[in-house]
Amino acid sequence: QVHLVESGGGLVQAGGSLRLTCVVTGRTVDSFAIAWFRQAPEKEREMIAGITWSGGDTIYADSVKGRFTMSRDDAKKTVYLQMINLEPEDTAVYYCNYGGLRGYWGQGTQVTVSS
């Protein structure tokens, strides 16, 4: 069983920054991926950044490339999503995911960007 807890969301003005944190507990498998998703009101959930648990290249959605950076602290089993130059279109609930769409999800953290 894997448990994910996100934090770090909040209200920020356009152009501002936030850092989201996802703490992972439980037994992880190197071949599985860990990713950040988001879901805006009346929109489908979309993956915005992801990496396999064992490491490798991080992939980003075009909408966040160059503004969002995913990183990890293996010792703490924690992943981060640094977000800069936030735009109102980034307003969404952000979720941490492990193991793909049928894997494990955190409870989500709300990010609201005001114009």
N, C-alpha and C. Protein backbone atom coordinates (compact mmCIF):
# COMPACT_ATOMS: atom_id res chain seq x y z
N GLN A 1 0.85 -1.18 0.00
CA GLN A 1 0.00 0.00 0.00
C GLN A 1 0.89 1.24 0.00
N VAL A 2 0.52 2.20 -0.85
CA VAL A 2 1.25 3.46 -0.94
C VAL A 2 0.29 4.59 -0.59
N HIS A 3 0.79 5.54 0.18
CA HIS A 3 -0.02 6.67 0.61
C HIS A 3 0.68 7.95 0.19
N LEU A 4 -0.09 8.88 -0.38
CA LEU A 4 0.47 10.14 -0.87
C LEU A 4 -0.23 11.31 -0.18
N VAL A 5 0.54 12.28 0.25
CA VAL A 5 -0.04 13.47 0.87
C VAL A 5 0.58 14.70 0.24
N GLU A 6 -0.26 15.52 -0.39
CA GLU A 6 0.21 16.76 -1.02
C GLU A 6 0.01 17.93 -0.06
N SER A 7 0.81 18.94 -0.27
CA SER A 7 0.65 20.21 0.45
C SER A 7 1.29 21.31 -0.37
N GLY A 8 1.05 22.55 0.05
CA GLY A 8 1.72 23.68 -0.58
C GLY A 8 0.85 24.52 -1.49
N GLY A 9 -0.37 24.11 -1.71
CA GLY A 9 -1.25 24.92 -2.54
C GLY A 9 -1.64 26.21 -1.86
N GLY A 10 -2.33 27.06 -2.61
CA GLY A 10 -2.77 28.32 -2.03
C GLY A 10 -3.21 29.29 -3.09
N LEU A 11 -3.39 30.53 -2.66
CA LEU A 11 -3.81 31.62 -3.55
C LEU A 11 -2.59 32.48 -3.86
N VAL A 12 -2.36 32.73 -5.13
CA VAL A 12 -1.21 33.53 -5.54
C VAL A 12 -1.62 34.41 -6.72
N GLN A 13 -0.98 35.54 -6.84
CA GLN A 13 -1.25 36.42 -7.98
C GLN A 13 -0.52 35.91 -9.22
N ALA A 14 -1.04 36.27 -10.36
CA ALA A 14 -0.39 35.91 -11.62
C ALA A 14 1.06 36.39 -11.61
N GLY A 15 1.94 35.53 -12.08
CA GLY A 15 3.36 35.84 -12.06
C GLY A 15 4.07 35.33 -10.82
N GLY A 16 3.30 34.89 -9.86
CA GLY A 16 3.87 34.40 -8.60
C GLY A 16 4.33 32.96 -8.68
N SER A 17 4.77 32.46 -7.54
CA SER A 17 5.34 31.11 -7.47
C SER A 17 4.75 30.34 -6.30
N LEU A 18 4.76 29.04 -6.45
CA LEU A 18 4.39 28.13 -5.36
C LEU A 18 5.23 26.87 -5.49
N ARG A 19 5.43 26.17 -4.38
CA ARG A 19 6.07 24.86 -4.43
C ARG A 19 5.15 23.85 -3.76
N LEU A 20 4.77 22.86 -4.51
CA LEU A 20 3.95 21.77 -3.98
C LEU A 20 4.85 20.64 -3.51
N THR A 21 4.39 19.97 -2.46
CA THR A 21 5.13 18.85 -1.89
C THR A 21 4.24 17.61 -1.86
N CYS A 22 4.82 16.46 -2.16
CA CYS A 22 4.10 15.19 -2.08
C CYS A 22 4.97 14.21 -1.30
N VAL A 23 4.49 13.81 -0.15
CA VAL A 23 5.21 12.84 0.68
C VAL A 23 4.65 11.45 0.39
N VAL A 24 5.55 10.53 0.08
CA VAL A 24 5.17 9.16 -0.27
C VAL A 24 5.53 8.22 0.86
N THR A 25 4.57 7.44 1.31
CA THR A 25 4.86 6.42 2.31
C THR A 25 4.40 5.08 1.77
N GLY A 26 5.04 4.02 2.27
CA GLY A 26 4.71 2.68 1.80
C GLY A 26 5.78 2.14 0.88
N ARG A 27 5.55 0.95 0.38
CA ARG A 27 6.54 0.27 -0.44
C ARG A 27 6.43 0.72 -1.89
N THR A 28 7.51 1.26 -2.43
CA THR A 28 7.52 1.74 -3.81
C THR A 28 8.33 0.79 -4.69
N VAL A 29 8.04 0.81 -5.96
CA VAL A 29 8.68 -0.04 -6.96
C VAL A 29 9.39 0.85 -7.96
N ASP A 30 10.65 0.54 -8.25
CA ASP A 30 11.46 1.42 -9.09
C ASP A 30 10.86 1.65 -10.47
N SER A 31 10.19 0.65 -11.03
CA SER A 31 9.69 0.78 -12.39
C SER A 31 8.41 1.60 -12.50
N PHE A 32 7.81 1.90 -11.38
CA PHE A 32 6.58 2.69 -11.41
C PHE A 32 6.93 4.16 -11.57
N ALA A 33 5.98 4.92 -12.05
CA ALA A 33 6.17 6.35 -12.24
C ALA A 33 5.46 7.12 -11.15
N ILE A 34 6.02 8.28 -10.87
CA ILE A 34 5.35 9.22 -9.98
C ILE A 34 5.13 10.49 -10.77
N ALA A 35 3.98 11.10 -10.61
CA ALA A 35 3.62 12.21 -11.47
C ALA A 35 2.74 13.21 -10.75
N TRP A 36 2.70 14.40 -11.32
CA TRP A 36 1.76 15.43 -10.88
C TRP A 36 0.69 15.57 -11.95
N PHE A 37 -0.55 15.59 -11.50
CA PHE A 37 -1.70 15.85 -12.36
C PHE A 37 -2.39 17.10 -11.84
N ARG A 38 -3.25 17.65 -12.66
CA ARG A 38 -4.11 18.72 -12.19
C ARG A 38 -5.47 18.61 -12.87
N GLN A 39 -6.45 19.15 -12.19
CA GLN A 39 -7.81 19.16 -12.75
C GLN A 39 -8.44 20.51 -12.46
N ALA A 40 -8.71 21.23 -13.54
CA ALA A 40 -9.38 22.51 -13.44
C ALA A 40 -10.88 22.29 -13.49
N PRO A 41 -11.67 23.26 -13.01
CA PRO A 41 -13.12 23.10 -13.04
C PRO A 41 -13.64 22.80 -14.44
N GLU A 42 -14.46 21.80 -14.54
CA GLU A 42 -15.12 21.40 -15.80
C GLU A 42 -14.12 20.94 -16.86
N LYS A 43 -12.94 20.53 -16.45
CA LYS A 43 -11.95 20.00 -17.37
C LYS A 43 -11.49 18.63 -16.90
N GLU A 44 -10.92 17.88 -17.82
CA GLU A 44 -10.42 16.57 -17.47
C GLU A 44 -9.09 16.69 -16.71
N ARG A 45 -8.82 15.68 -15.92
CA ARG A 45 -7.55 15.66 -15.20
C ARG A 45 -6.42 15.44 -16.22
N GLU A 46 -5.35 16.20 -16.11
CA GLU A 46 -4.24 16.08 -17.04
C GLU A 46 -2.93 15.91 -16.29
N MET A 47 -2.02 15.13 -16.89
CA MET A 47 -0.71 14.97 -16.31
C MET A 47 0.16 16.15 -16.73
N ILE A 48 0.87 16.72 -15.79
CA ILE A 48 1.71 17.87 -16.11
C ILE A 48 3.19 17.59 -15.93
N ALA A 49 3.55 16.60 -15.14
CA ALA A 49 4.96 16.25 -14.96
C ALA A 49 5.05 14.84 -14.41
N GLY A 50 6.07 14.09 -14.86
CA GLY A 50 6.18 12.73 -14.38
C GLY A 50 7.57 12.17 -14.57
N ILE A 51 7.93 11.19 -13.73
CA ILE A 51 9.23 10.53 -13.78
C ILE A 51 9.08 9.14 -13.19
N THR A 52 9.89 8.18 -13.67
CA THR A 52 9.85 6.86 -13.04
C THR A 52 10.51 6.94 -11.67
N TRP A 53 10.07 6.10 -10.75
CA TRP A 53 10.55 6.18 -9.38
C TRP A 53 12.06 5.96 -9.31
N SER A 54 12.62 5.18 -10.23
CA SER A 54 14.06 4.91 -10.22
C SER A 54 14.87 6.07 -10.79
N GLY A 55 14.23 7.06 -11.36
CA GLY A 55 14.94 8.21 -11.90
C GLY A 55 14.81 8.29 -13.41
N GLY A 56 15.62 9.12 -14.01
CA GLY A 56 15.54 9.30 -15.45
C GLY A 56 15.03 10.68 -15.79
N ASP A 57 14.70 10.86 -17.05
CA ASP A 57 14.22 12.16 -17.50
C ASP A 57 12.80 12.41 -17.00
N THR A 58 12.56 13.66 -16.66
CA THR A 58 11.21 14.09 -16.30
C THR A 58 10.51 14.59 -17.55
N ILE A 59 9.28 14.22 -17.72
CA ILE A 59 8.51 14.73 -18.85
C ILE A 59 7.52 15.77 -18.34
N TYR A 60 7.27 16.76 -19.17
CA TYR A 60 6.39 17.85 -18.81
C TYR A 60 5.36 18.07 -19.91
N ALA A 61 4.18 18.49 -19.49
CA ALA A 61 3.18 18.92 -20.46
C ALA A 61 3.63 20.23 -21.08
N ASP A 62 3.28 20.44 -22.33
CA ASP A 62 3.69 21.67 -23.03
C ASP A 62 3.20 22.91 -22.28
N SER A 63 2.06 22.80 -21.63
CA SER A 63 1.47 23.97 -20.99
C SER A 63 2.28 24.46 -19.79
N VAL A 64 3.16 23.62 -19.25
CA VAL A 64 3.92 24.02 -18.07
C VAL A 64 5.42 24.00 -18.32
N LYS A 65 5.83 23.53 -19.47
CA LYS A 65 7.26 23.40 -19.76
C LYS A 65 7.95 24.76 -19.64
N GLY A 66 9.07 24.78 -18.93
CA GLY A 66 9.81 26.01 -18.74
C GLY A 66 9.36 26.81 -17.52
N ARG A 67 8.21 26.47 -16.96
CA ARG A 67 7.71 27.19 -15.78
C ARG A 67 7.64 26.29 -14.55
N PHE A 68 7.39 25.01 -14.75
CA PHE A 68 7.27 24.06 -13.64
C PHE A 68 8.46 23.12 -13.65
N THR A 69 8.94 22.79 -12.46
CA THR A 69 10.05 21.85 -12.33
C THR A 69 9.71 20.82 -11.26
N MET A 70 9.81 19.55 -11.65
CA MET A 70 9.58 18.46 -10.71
C MET A 70 10.92 17.98 -10.19
N SER A 71 11.00 17.79 -8.88
CA SER A 71 12.23 17.28 -8.30
C SER A 71 11.88 16.30 -7.18
N ARG A 72 12.90 15.68 -6.61
CA ARG A 72 12.64 14.64 -5.61
C ARG A 72 13.76 14.60 -4.58
N ASP A 73 13.40 14.17 -3.40
CA ASP A 73 14.35 13.90 -2.35
C ASP A 73 14.14 12.43 -1.98
N ASP A 74 15.02 11.58 -2.48
CA ASP A 74 14.82 10.14 -2.30
C ASP A 74 14.88 9.74 -0.83
N ALA A 75 15.75 10.39 -0.07
CA ALA A 75 15.89 10.03 1.34
C ALA A 75 14.59 10.29 2.09
N LYS A 76 13.89 11.33 1.69
CA LYS A 76 12.63 11.68 2.36
C LYS A 76 11.42 11.09 1.64
N LYS A 77 11.65 10.41 0.51
CA LYS A 77 10.55 9.90 -0.32
C LYS A 77 9.53 11.00 -0.56
N THR A 78 10.05 12.11 -1.03
CA THR A 78 9.23 13.30 -1.26
C THR A 78 9.51 13.82 -2.65
N VAL A 79 8.47 14.22 -3.34
CA VAL A 79 8.62 14.88 -4.63
C VAL A 79 8.05 16.29 -4.53
N TYR A 80 8.59 17.16 -5.35
CA TYR A 80 8.21 18.57 -5.31
C TYR A 80 7.79 19.01 -6.72
N LEU A 81 6.98 20.03 -6.74
CA LEU A 81 6.65 20.69 -8.01
C LEU A 81 6.82 22.18 -7.79
N GLN A 82 7.93 22.71 -8.29
CA GLN A 82 8.18 24.14 -8.21
C GLN A 82 7.49 24.81 -9.38
N MET A 83 6.65 25.77 -9.10
CA MET A 83 5.87 26.45 -10.13
C MET A 83 6.21 27.94 -10.10
N ILE A 84 6.63 28.47 -11.22
CA ILE A 84 6.93 29.90 -11.33
C ILE A 84 6.11 30.50 -12.45
N ASN A 85 6.07 31.83 -12.48
CA ASN A 85 5.31 32.53 -13.52
C ASN A 85 3.90 31.95 -13.67
N LEU A 86 3.24 31.78 -12.55
CA LEU A 86 1.91 31.18 -12.58
C LEU A 86 0.92 32.08 -13.31
N GLU A 87 -0.01 31.40 -13.98
CA GLU A 87 -1.02 32.08 -14.78
C GLU A 87 -2.41 31.69 -14.26
N PRO A 88 -3.42 32.52 -14.49
CA PRO A 88 -4.77 32.14 -14.06
C PRO A 88 -5.20 30.78 -14.60
N GLU A 89 -4.69 30.41 -15.77
CA GLU A 89 -5.03 29.11 -16.37
C GLU A 89 -4.44 27.93 -15.59
N ASP A 90 -3.54 28.21 -14.67
CA ASP A 90 -2.97 27.15 -13.84
C ASP A 90 -3.85 26.83 -12.65
N THR A 91 -4.91 27.59 -12.46
CA THR A 91 -5.83 27.33 -11.35
C THR A 91 -6.44 25.94 -11.49
N ALA A 92 -6.27 25.12 -10.46
CA ALA A 92 -6.73 23.73 -10.51
C ALA A 92 -6.46 23.07 -9.16
N VAL A 93 -7.00 21.88 -9.00
CA VAL A 93 -6.59 21.01 -7.90
C VAL A 93 -5.44 20.16 -8.43
N TYR A 94 -4.34 20.16 -7.70
CA TYR A 94 -3.15 19.43 -8.11
C TYR A 94 -3.04 18.14 -7.30
N TYR A 95 -2.77 17.06 -8.02
CA TYR A 95 -2.71 15.73 -7.40
C TYR A 95 -1.36 15.08 -7.65
N CYS A 96 -0.92 14.38 -6.66
CA CYS A 96 0.25 13.53 -6.79
C CYS A 96 -0.24 12.11 -7.10
N ASN A 97 0.43 11.45 -8.02
CA ASN A 97 0.02 10.11 -8.44
C ASN A 97 1.22 9.18 -8.50
N TYR A 98 1.01 7.97 -8.03
CA TYR A 98 2.06 6.94 -8.11
C TYR A 98 1.48 5.69 -8.74
N GLY A 99 2.12 5.21 -9.79
CA GLY A 99 1.71 3.96 -10.40
C GLY A 99 0.69 4.09 -11.51
N GLY A 100 0.50 5.27 -12.05
CA GLY A 100 -0.41 5.44 -13.17
C GLY A 100 -1.84 5.69 -12.75
N LEU A 101 -2.71 5.78 -13.77
CA LEU A 101 -4.11 6.16 -13.52
C LEU A 101 -4.81 5.19 -12.58
N ARG A 102 -4.42 3.93 -12.58
CA ARG A 102 -5.04 2.95 -11.68
C ARG A 102 -4.22 2.74 -10.42
N GLY A 103 -3.28 3.65 -10.21
CA GLY A 103 -2.43 3.52 -9.04
C GLY A 103 -2.97 4.29 -7.85
N TYR A 104 -2.06 4.99 -7.20
CA TYR A 104 -2.41 5.68 -5.95
C TYR A 104 -2.46 7.19 -6.17
N TRP A 105 -3.40 7.82 -5.47
CA TRP A 105 -3.60 9.27 -5.59
C TRP A 105 -3.58 9.92 -4.23
N GLY A 106 -3.07 11.13 -4.18
CA GLY A 106 -3.21 11.93 -2.99
C GLY A 106 -4.58 12.58 -2.97
N GLN A 107 -4.81 13.37 -1.92
CA GLN A 107 -6.12 14.00 -1.75
C GLN A 107 -6.25 15.28 -2.58
N GLY A 108 -5.13 15.78 -3.08
CA GLY A 108 -5.16 16.99 -3.89
C GLY A 108 -4.92 18.24 -3.06
N THR A 109 -4.38 19.25 -3.72
CA THR A 109 -4.18 20.55 -3.08
C THR A 109 -4.59 21.64 -4.07
N GLN A 110 -5.35 22.60 -3.61
CA GLN A 110 -5.92 23.64 -4.48
C GLN A 110 -4.88 24.73 -4.75
N VAL A 111 -4.73 25.05 -6.02
CA VAL A 111 -3.91 26.19 -6.45
C VAL A 111 -4.83 27.16 -7.17
N THR A 112 -4.85 28.40 -6.69
CA THR A 112 -5.67 29.42 -7.32
C THR A 112 -4.78 30.60 -7.68
N VAL A 113 -4.81 30.97 -8.96
CA VAL A 113 -3.99 32.07 -9.44
C VAL A 113 -4.93 33.19 -9.87
N SER A 114 -4.79 34.33 -9.22
CA SER A 114 -5.64 35.47 -9.54
C SER A 114 -4.97 36.37 -10.57
N SER A 115 -5.78 37.00 -11.38
CA SER A 115 -5.23 37.87 -12.44
C SER A 115 -5.03 39.29 -11.95
